[in-house]
Amino acid sequence: MLPDRTGFIVWVSDLKAARALERFGTVHYMSKKLHYVVLYMNAERVEDSLKQMNRQSYVRKVERSYRTEIKTEYSKDSEDKTRFYSV
């Protein structure tokens, strides 16, 4: 079974140095314009990795991604109104 993964948005001051974030987890995306990195790591190593990440000189702020907590399964509670608009 796959391990639980947690996403983080890491705001950095130097993108060249931000490549070193790969040792904490999987770098999914690096924004050159806005200077942030989307990073995924195992949920069991989060606390230790965050402490080490915040110690880096190029890291400005670390935010946790709430994507796993967003409801992605939807139910159809309302009636379909497309039949009223048929030609």
PDB file of N, CA and C in Angstrom:
ATOM      1  N   MET A   1       0.830  -1.179   0.000  1.00  0.00           N
ATOM      2  CA  MET A   1       0.000   0.000   0.000  1.00  0.00           C
ATOM      3  C   MET A   1       0.879   1.250   0.000  1.00  0.00           C
ATOM      4  N   LEU A   2       0.403   2.292  -0.622  1.00  0.00           N
ATOM      5  CA  LEU A   2       1.163   3.532  -0.727  1.00  0.00           C
ATOM      6  C   LEU A   2       1.167   4.276   0.605  1.00  0.00           C
ATOM      7  N   PRO A   3       2.277   4.919   0.953  1.00  0.00           N
ATOM      8  CA  PRO A   3       2.326   5.689   2.204  1.00  0.00           C
ATOM      9  C   PRO A   3       1.515   6.973   2.070  1.00  0.00           C
ATOM     10  N   ASP A   4       1.049   7.482   3.210  1.00  0.00           N
ATOM     11  CA  ASP A   4       0.318   8.752   3.207  1.00  0.00           C
ATOM     12  C   ASP A   4       1.279   9.881   2.877  1.00  0.00           C
ATOM     13  N   ARG A   5       0.864  10.754   1.965  1.00  0.00           N
ATOM     14  CA  ARG A   5       1.707  11.867   1.541  1.00  0.00           C
ATOM     15  C   ARG A   5       1.040  13.172   1.959  1.00  0.00           C
ATOM     16  N   THR A   6       1.859  14.147   2.292  1.00  0.00           N
ATOM     17  CA  THR A   6       1.384  15.463   2.674  1.00  0.00           C
ATOM     18  C   THR A   6       2.056  16.490   1.784  1.00  0.00           C
ATOM     19  N   GLY A   7       1.272  17.450   1.306  1.00  0.00           N
ATOM     20  CA  GLY A   7       1.804  18.482   0.425  1.00  0.00           C
ATOM     21  C   GLY A   7       2.137  19.755   1.179  1.00  0.00           C
ATOM     22  N   PHE A   8       3.171  20.441   0.733  1.00  0.00           N
ATOM     23  CA  PHE A   8       3.587  21.702   1.328  1.00  0.00           C
ATOM     24  C   PHE A   8       3.930  22.689   0.238  1.00  0.00           C
ATOM     25  N   ILE A   9       3.653  23.958   0.504  1.00  0.00           N
ATOM     26  CA  ILE A   9       4.073  25.043  -0.362  1.00  0.00           C
ATOM     27  C   ILE A   9       5.177  25.764   0.397  1.00  0.00           C
ATOM     28  N   VAL A  10       6.356  25.786  -0.176  1.00  0.00           N
ATOM     29  CA  VAL A  10       7.521  26.381   0.470  1.00  0.00           C
ATOM     30  C   VAL A  10       7.894  27.647  -0.300  1.00  0.00           C
ATOM     31  N   TRP A  11       7.784  28.798   0.359  1.00  0.00           N
ATOM     32  CA  TRP A  11       8.158  30.066  -0.248  1.00  0.00           C
ATOM     33  C   TRP A  11       9.655  30.253  -0.039  1.00  0.00           C
ATOM     34  N   VAL A  12      10.370  30.503  -1.115  1.00  0.00           N
ATOM     35  CA  VAL A  12      11.835  30.581  -1.067  1.00  0.00           C
ATOM     36  C   VAL A  12      12.315  31.929  -1.606  1.00  0.00           C
ATOM     37  N   SER A  13      13.549  32.270  -1.246  1.00  0.00           N
ATOM     38  CA  SER A  13      14.148  33.503  -1.751  1.00  0.00           C
ATOM     39  C   SER A  13      15.106  33.229  -2.909  1.00  0.00           C
ATOM     40  N   ASP A  14      15.603  32.004  -3.019  1.00  0.00           N
ATOM     41  CA  ASP A  14      16.543  31.650  -4.070  1.00  0.00           C
ATOM     42  C   ASP A  14      16.152  30.294  -4.665  1.00  0.00           C
ATOM     43  N   LEU A  15      15.755  30.298  -5.929  1.00  0.00           N
ATOM     44  CA  LEU A  15      15.315  29.057  -6.566  1.00  0.00           C
ATOM     45  C   LEU A  15      16.456  28.087  -6.828  1.00  0.00           C
ATOM     46  N   LYS A  16      17.643  28.612  -7.047  1.00  0.00           N
ATOM     47  CA  LYS A  16      18.778  27.730  -7.292  1.00  0.00           C
ATOM     48  C   LYS A  16      19.078  26.905  -6.041  1.00  0.00           C
ATOM     49  N   ALA A  17      19.014  27.532  -4.898  1.00  0.00           N
ATOM     50  CA  ALA A  17      19.230  26.826  -3.638  1.00  0.00           C
ATOM     51  C   ALA A  17      18.040  25.942  -3.282  1.00  0.00           C
ATOM     52  N   ALA A  18      16.869  26.259  -3.814  1.00  0.00           N
ATOM     53  CA  ALA A  18      15.652  25.498  -3.502  1.00  0.00           C
ATOM     54  C   ALA A  18      15.685  24.096  -4.086  1.00  0.00           C
ATOM     55  N   ARG A  19      16.593  23.841  -5.007  1.00  0.00           N
ATOM     56  CA  ARG A  19      16.721  22.487  -5.548  1.00  0.00           C
ATOM     57  C   ARG A  19      17.125  21.496  -4.461  1.00  0.00           C
ATOM     58  N   ALA A  20      17.722  22.000  -3.406  1.00  0.00           N
ATOM     59  CA  ALA A  20      18.139  21.142  -2.290  1.00  0.00           C
ATOM     60  C   ALA A  20      16.943  20.627  -1.491  1.00  0.00           C
ATOM     61  N   LEU A  21      15.756  21.141  -1.742  1.00  0.00           N
ATOM     62  CA  LEU A  21      14.556  20.662  -1.050  1.00  0.00           C
ATOM     63  C   LEU A  21      14.203  19.234  -1.450  1.00  0.00           C
ATOM     64  N   GLU A  22      14.798  18.726  -2.495  1.00  0.00           N
ATOM     65  CA  GLU A  22      14.506  17.362  -2.935  1.00  0.00           C
ATOM     66  C   GLU A  22      14.911  16.323  -1.901  1.00  0.00           C
ATOM     67  N   ARG A  23      15.784  16.680  -0.983  1.00  0.00           N
ATOM     68  CA  ARG A  23      16.176  15.720   0.052  1.00  0.00           C
ATOM     69  C   ARG A  23      15.087  15.538   1.105  1.00  0.00           C
ATOM     70  N   PHE A  24      14.112  16.461   1.168  1.00  0.00           N
ATOM     71  CA  PHE A  24      13.011  16.342   2.116  1.00  0.00           C
ATOM     72  C   PHE A  24      11.829  15.571   1.551  1.00  0.00           C
ATOM     73  N   GLY A  25      11.692  15.548   0.239  1.00  0.00           N
ATOM     74  CA  GLY A  25      10.570  14.865  -0.389  1.00  0.00           C
ATOM     75  C   GLY A  25      10.612  15.043  -1.894  1.00  0.00           C
ATOM     76  N   THR A  26       9.471  14.860  -2.525  1.00  0.00           N
ATOM     77  CA  THR A  26       9.369  14.961  -3.972  1.00  0.00           C
ATOM     78  C   THR A  26       8.948  16.377  -4.358  1.00  0.00           C
ATOM     79  N   VAL A  27       9.781  17.044  -5.142  1.00  0.00           N
ATOM     80  CA  VAL A  27       9.445  18.382  -5.627  1.00  0.00           C
ATOM     81  C   VAL A  27       8.528  18.214  -6.832  1.00  0.00           C
ATOM     82  N   HIS A  28       7.315  18.732  -6.704  1.00  0.00           N
ATOM     83  CA  HIS A  28       6.322  18.590  -7.769  1.00  0.00           C
ATOM     84  C   HIS A  28       6.390  19.757  -8.753  1.00  0.00           C
ATOM     85  N   TYR A  29       6.597  20.973  -8.234  1.00  0.00           N
ATOM     86  CA  TYR A  29       6.574  22.151  -9.089  1.00  0.00           C
ATOM     87  C   TYR A  29       7.407  23.256  -8.459  1.00  0.00           C
ATOM     88  N   MET A  30       8.111  24.012  -9.294  1.00  0.00           N
ATOM     89  CA  MET A  30       8.855  25.192  -8.844  1.00  0.00           C
ATOM     90  C   MET A  30       8.414  26.386  -9.687  1.00  0.00           C
ATOM     91  N   SER A  31       7.909  27.419  -9.040  1.00  0.00           N
ATOM     92  CA  SER A  31       7.475  28.618  -9.743  1.00  0.00           C
ATOM     93  C   SER A  31       8.624  29.623  -9.792  1.00  0.00           C
ATOM     94  N   LYS A  32       9.064  29.948 -10.999  1.00  0.00           N
ATOM     95  CA  LYS A  32      10.158  30.904 -11.147  1.00  0.00           C
ATOM     96  C   LYS A  32       9.686  32.332 -10.904  1.00  0.00           C
ATOM     97  N   LYS A  33       8.454  32.601 -11.261  1.00  0.00           N
ATOM     98  CA  LYS A  33       7.941  33.963 -11.140  1.00  0.00           C
ATOM     99  C   LYS A  33       7.575  34.314  -9.697  1.00  0.00           C
ATOM    100  N   LEU A  34       6.896  33.406  -8.991  1.00  0.00           N
ATOM    101  CA  LEU A  34       6.427  33.704  -7.644  1.00  0.00           C
ATOM    102  C   LEU A  34       7.325  33.147  -6.544  1.00  0.00           C
ATOM    103  N   HIS A  35       8.359  32.408  -6.909  1.00  0.00           N
ATOM    104  CA  HIS A  35       9.352  31.870  -5.965  1.00  0.00           C
ATOM    105  C   HIS A  35       8.731  30.982  -4.891  1.00  0.00           C
ATOM    106  N   TYR A  36       8.060  29.938  -5.335  1.00  0.00           N
ATOM    107  CA  TYR A  36       7.582  28.933  -4.394  1.00  0.00           C
ATOM    108  C   TYR A  36       7.802  27.545  -4.979  1.00  0.00           C
ATOM    109  N   VAL A  37       7.791  26.553  -4.097  1.00  0.00           N
ATOM    110  CA  VAL A  37       8.006  25.160  -4.471  1.00  0.00           C
ATOM    111  C   VAL A  37       6.878  24.338  -3.880  1.00  0.00           C
ATOM    112  N   VAL A  38       6.275  23.466  -4.688  1.00  0.00           N
ATOM    113  CA  VAL A  38       5.272  22.524  -4.197  1.00  0.00           C
ATOM    114  C   VAL A  38       6.007  21.218  -3.935  1.00  0.00           C
ATOM    115  N   LEU A  39       5.890  20.737  -2.701  1.00  0.00           N
ATOM    116  CA  LEU A  39       6.683  19.606  -2.239  1.00  0.00           C
ATOM    117  C   LEU A  39       5.772  18.593  -1.565  1.00  0.00           C
ATOM    118  N   TYR A  40       5.963  17.314  -1.866  1.00  0.00           N
ATOM    119  CA  TYR A  40       5.226  16.241  -1.219  1.00  0.00           C
ATOM    120  C   TYR A  40       6.204  15.376  -0.440  1.00  0.00           C
ATOM    121  N   MET A  41       5.813  14.995   0.785  1.00  0.00           N
ATOM    122  CA  MET A  41       6.666  14.138   1.602  1.00  0.00           C
ATOM    123  C   MET A  41       5.806  13.164   2.383  1.00  0.00           C
ATOM    124  N   ASN A  42       6.431  12.114   2.897  1.00  0.00           N
ATOM    125  CA  ASN A  42       5.718  11.125   3.700  1.00  0.00           C
ATOM    126  C   ASN A  42       5.193  11.773   4.975  1.00  0.00           C
ATOM    127  N   ALA A  43       3.977  11.405   5.365  1.00  0.00           N
ATOM    128  CA  ALA A  43       3.332  12.023   6.515  1.00  0.00           C
ATOM    129  C   ALA A  43       4.034  11.702   7.820  1.00  0.00           C
ATOM    130  N   GLU A  44       4.722  10.586   7.889  1.00  0.00           N
ATOM    131  CA  GLU A  44       5.373  10.207   9.143  1.00  0.00           C
ATOM    132  C   GLU A  44       6.649  11.005   9.413  1.00  0.00           C
ATOM    133  N   ARG A  45       7.232  11.622   8.386  1.00  0.00           N
ATOM    134  CA  ARG A  45       8.473  12.382   8.561  1.00  0.00           C
ATOM    135  C   ARG A  45       8.253  13.884   8.561  1.00  0.00           C
ATOM    136  N   VAL A  46       7.024  14.336   8.675  1.00  0.00           N
ATOM    137  CA  VAL A  46       6.702  15.746   8.496  1.00  0.00           C
ATOM    138  C   VAL A  46       7.335  16.633   9.566  1.00  0.00           C
ATOM    139  N   GLU A  47       7.208  16.272  10.824  1.00  0.00           N
ATOM    140  CA  GLU A  47       7.664  17.147  11.904  1.00  0.00           C
ATOM    141  C   GLU A  47       9.168  17.406  11.842  1.00  0.00           C
ATOM    142  N   ASP A  48       9.944  16.361  11.659  1.00  0.00           N
ATOM    143  CA  ASP A  48      11.392  16.524  11.593  1.00  0.00           C
ATOM    144  C   ASP A  48      11.807  17.308  10.354  1.00  0.00           C
ATOM    145  N   SER A  49      11.149  17.018   9.248  1.00  0.00           N
ATOM    146  CA  SER A  49      11.506  17.690   7.997  1.00  0.00           C
ATOM    147  C   SER A  49      11.172  19.177   8.040  1.00  0.00           C
ATOM    148  N   LEU A  50      10.048  19.538   8.668  1.00  0.00           N
ATOM    149  CA  LEU A  50       9.675  20.950   8.755  1.00  0.00           C
ATOM    150  C   LEU A  50      10.668  21.737   9.593  1.00  0.00           C
ATOM    151  N   LYS A  51      11.146  21.147  10.674  1.00  0.00           N
ATOM    152  CA  LYS A  51      12.133  21.823  11.509  1.00  0.00           C
ATOM    153  C   LYS A  51      13.413  22.076  10.719  1.00  0.00           C
ATOM    154  N   GLN A  52      13.850  21.074   9.988  1.00  0.00           N
ATOM    155  CA  GLN A  52      15.072  21.225   9.194  1.00  0.00           C
ATOM    156  C   GLN A  52      14.877  22.198   8.032  1.00  0.00           C
ATOM    157  N   MET A  53      13.683  22.178   7.429  1.00  0.00           N
ATOM    158  CA  MET A  53      13.408  23.063   6.305  1.00  0.00           C
ATOM    159  C   MET A  53      13.407  24.523   6.739  1.00  0.00           C
ATOM    160  N   ASN A  54      12.797  24.801   7.887  1.00  0.00           N
ATOM    161  CA  ASN A  54      12.729  26.178   8.369  1.00  0.00           C
ATOM    162  C   ASN A  54      14.100  26.726   8.764  1.00  0.00           C
ATOM    163  N   ARG A  55      15.050  25.873   9.024  1.00  0.00           N
ATOM    164  CA  ARG A  55      16.409  26.313   9.361  1.00  0.00           C
ATOM    165  C   ARG A  55      17.199  26.770   8.138  1.00  0.00           C
ATOM    166  N   GLN A  56      16.749  26.401   6.965  1.00  0.00           N
ATOM    167  CA  GLN A  56      17.472  26.769   5.741  1.00  0.00           C
ATOM    168  C   GLN A  56      17.368  28.281   5.524  1.00  0.00           C
ATOM    169  N   SER A  57      18.442  28.878   5.068  1.00  0.00           N
ATOM    170  CA  SER A  57      18.474  30.336   4.907  1.00  0.00           C
ATOM    171  C   SER A  57      17.597  30.822   3.755  1.00  0.00           C
ATOM    172  N   TYR A  58      17.375  29.994   2.767  1.00  0.00           N
ATOM    173  CA  TYR A  58      16.603  30.406   1.588  1.00  0.00           C
ATOM    174  C   TYR A  58      15.098  30.184   1.745  1.00  0.00           C
ATOM    175  N   VAL A  59      14.660  29.555   2.825  1.00  0.00           N
ATOM    176  CA  VAL A  59      13.233  29.300   3.065  1.00  0.00           C
ATOM    177  C   VAL A  59      12.642  30.478   3.824  1.00  0.00           C
ATOM    178  N   ARG A  60      11.606  31.101   3.240  1.00  0.00           N
ATOM    179  CA  ARG A  60      10.945  32.219   3.900  1.00  0.00           C
ATOM    180  C   ARG A  60       9.745  31.770   4.728  1.00  0.00           C
ATOM    181  N   LYS A  61       8.909  30.889   4.137  1.00  0.00           N
ATOM    182  CA  LYS A  61       7.693  30.460   4.825  1.00  0.00           C
ATOM    183  C   LYS A  61       7.292  29.099   4.291  1.00  0.00           C
ATOM    184  N   VAL A  62       6.705  28.263   5.159  1.00  0.00           N
ATOM    185  CA  VAL A  62       6.225  26.942   4.758  1.00  0.00           C
ATOM    186  C   VAL A  62       4.742  26.864   5.105  1.00  0.00           C
ATOM    187  N   GLU A  63       3.916  26.516   4.118  1.00  0.00           N
ATOM    188  CA  GLU A  63       2.475  26.369   4.318  1.00  0.00           C
ATOM    189  C   GLU A  63       2.074  24.942   3.985  1.00  0.00           C
ATOM    190  N   ARG A  64       1.168  24.386   4.790  1.00  0.00           N
ATOM    191  CA  ARG A  64       0.678  23.045   4.526  1.00  0.00           C
ATOM    192  C   ARG A  64      -0.461  23.110   3.524  1.00  0.00           C
ATOM    193  N   SER A  65      -0.495  22.187   2.618  1.00  0.00           N
ATOM    194  CA  SER A  65      -1.553  22.114   1.618  1.00  0.00           C
ATOM    195  C   SER A  65      -2.758  21.397   2.223  1.00  0.00           C
ATOM    196  N   TYR A  66      -3.936  21.958   2.026  1.00  0.00           N
ATOM    197  CA  TYR A  66      -5.162  21.369   2.560  1.00  0.00           C
ATOM    198  C   TYR A  66      -5.915  20.579   1.496  1.00  0.00           C
ATOM    199  N   ARG A  67      -5.243  20.194   0.456  1.00  0.00           N
ATOM    200  CA  ARG A  67      -5.894  19.494  -0.648  1.00  0.00           C
ATOM    201  C   ARG A  67      -6.492  18.160  -0.207  1.00  0.00           C
ATOM    202  N   THR A  68      -5.850  17.460   0.709  1.00  0.00           N
ATOM    203  CA  THR A  68      -6.359  16.163   1.151  1.00  0.00           C
ATOM    204  C   THR A  68      -7.626  16.305   1.984  1.00  0.00           C
ATOM    205  N   GLU A  69      -7.875  17.486   2.542  1.00  0.00           N
ATOM    206  CA  GLU A  69      -9.046  17.699   3.384  1.00  0.00           C
ATOM    207  C   GLU A  69     -10.249  18.234   2.618  1.00  0.00           C
ATOM    208  N   ILE A  70     -10.062  18.600   1.367  1.00  0.00           N
ATOM    209  CA  ILE A  70     -11.161  19.128   0.558  1.00  0.00           C
ATOM    210  C   ILE A  70     -12.010  17.972   0.055  1.00  0.00           C
ATOM    211  N   LYS A  71     -13.308  18.136   0.151  1.00  0.00           N
ATOM    212  CA  LYS A  71     -14.237  17.108  -0.299  1.00  0.00           C
ATOM    213  C   LYS A  71     -14.212  17.043  -1.831  1.00  0.00           C
ATOM    214  N   THR A  72     -13.952  15.850  -2.371  1.00  0.00           N
ATOM    215  CA  THR A  72     -13.889  15.696  -3.825  1.00  0.00           C
ATOM    216  C   THR A  72     -14.989  14.806  -4.373  1.00  0.00           C
ATOM    217  N   GLU A  73     -15.805  14.234  -3.517  1.00  0.00           N
ATOM    218  CA  GLU A  73     -16.943  13.434  -3.959  1.00  0.00           C
ATOM    219  C   GLU A  73     -18.197  14.265  -3.778  1.00  0.00           C
ATOM    220  N   TYR A  74     -18.934  14.432  -4.855  1.00  0.00           N
ATOM    221  CA  TYR A  74     -20.099  15.295  -4.842  1.00  0.00           C
ATOM    222  C   TYR A  74     -21.364  14.477  -5.015  1.00  0.00           C
ATOM    223  N   SER A  75     -22.433  14.946  -4.411  1.00  0.00           N
ATOM    224  CA  SER A  75     -23.730  14.282  -4.569  1.00  0.00           C
ATOM    225  C   SER A  75     -24.667  15.233  -5.306  1.00  0.00           C
ATOM    226  N   LYS A  76     -25.601  14.654  -6.006  1.00  0.00           N
ATOM    227  CA  LYS A  76     -26.533  15.448  -6.783  1.00  0.00           C
ATOM    228  C   LYS A  76     -27.833  15.556  -5.985  1.00  0.00           C
ATOM    229  N   ASP A  77     -27.933  16.607  -5.191  1.00  0.00           N
ATOM    230  CA  ASP A  77     -29.111  16.808  -4.351  1.00  0.00           C
ATOM    231  C   ASP A  77     -30.218  17.561  -5.081  1.00  0.00           C
ATOM    232  N   SER A  78     -29.852  18.425  -6.015  1.00  0.00           N
ATOM    233  CA  SER A  78     -30.859  19.208  -6.723  1.00  0.00           C
ATOM    234  C   SER A  78     -31.281  18.492  -8.005  1.00  0.00           C
ATOM    235  N   GLU A  79     -32.448  18.834  -8.468  1.00  0.00           N
ATOM    236  CA  GLU A  79     -32.994  18.236  -9.679  1.00  0.00           C
ATOM    237  C   GLU A  79     -32.292  18.813 -10.910  1.00  0.00           C
ATOM    238  N   ASP A  80     -32.148  18.017 -11.942  1.00  0.00           N
ATOM    239  CA  ASP A  80     -31.524  18.454 -13.178  1.00  0.00           C
ATOM    240  C   ASP A  80     -32.483  19.377 -13.921  1.00  0.00           C
ATOM    241  N   LYS A  81     -32.100  20.629 -14.137  1.00  0.00           N
ATOM    242  CA  LYS A  81     -32.968  21.625 -14.754  1.00  0.00           C
ATOM    243  C   LYS A  81     -32.752  21.768 -16.258  1.00  0.00           C
ATOM    244  N   THR A  82     -31.914  20.939 -16.821  1.00  0.00           N
ATOM    245  CA  THR A  82     -31.649  21.069 -18.258  1.00  0.00           C
ATOM    246  C   THR A  82     -32.856  20.666 -19.101  1.00  0.00           C
ATOM    247  N   ARG A  83     -33.735  19.824 -18.577  1.00  0.00           N
ATOM    248  CA  ARG A  83     -34.904  19.422 -19.366  1.00  0.00           C
ATOM    249  C   ARG A  83     -35.890  20.569 -19.576  1.00  0.00           C
ATOM    250  N   PHE A  84     -35.838  21.609 -18.723  1.00  0.00           N
ATOM    251  CA  PHE A  84     -36.738  22.761 -18.895  1.00  0.00           C
ATOM    252  C   PHE A  84     -36.282  23.672 -20.013  1.00  0.00           C
ATOM    253  N   TYR A  85     -35.016  23.590 -20.375  1.00  0.00           N
ATOM    254  CA  TYR A  85     -34.460  24.485 -21.377  1.00  0.00           C
ATOM    255  C   TYR A  85     -34.272  23.823 -22.723  1.00  0.00           C
ATOM    256  N   SER A  86     -34.868  22.685 -22.936  1.00  0.00           N
ATOM    257  CA  SER A  86     -34.695  21.995 -24.223  1.00  0.00           C
ATOM    258  C   SER A  86     -35.493  22.693 -25.315  1.00  0.00           C
ATOM    259  N   VAL A  87     -35.063  22.517 -26.536  1.00  0.00           N
ATOM    260  CA  VAL A  87     -35.676  23.183 -27.672  1.00  0.00           C
ATOM    261  C   VAL A  87     -36.828  22.389 -28.215  1.00  0.00           C
TER     262      VAL A  87
END
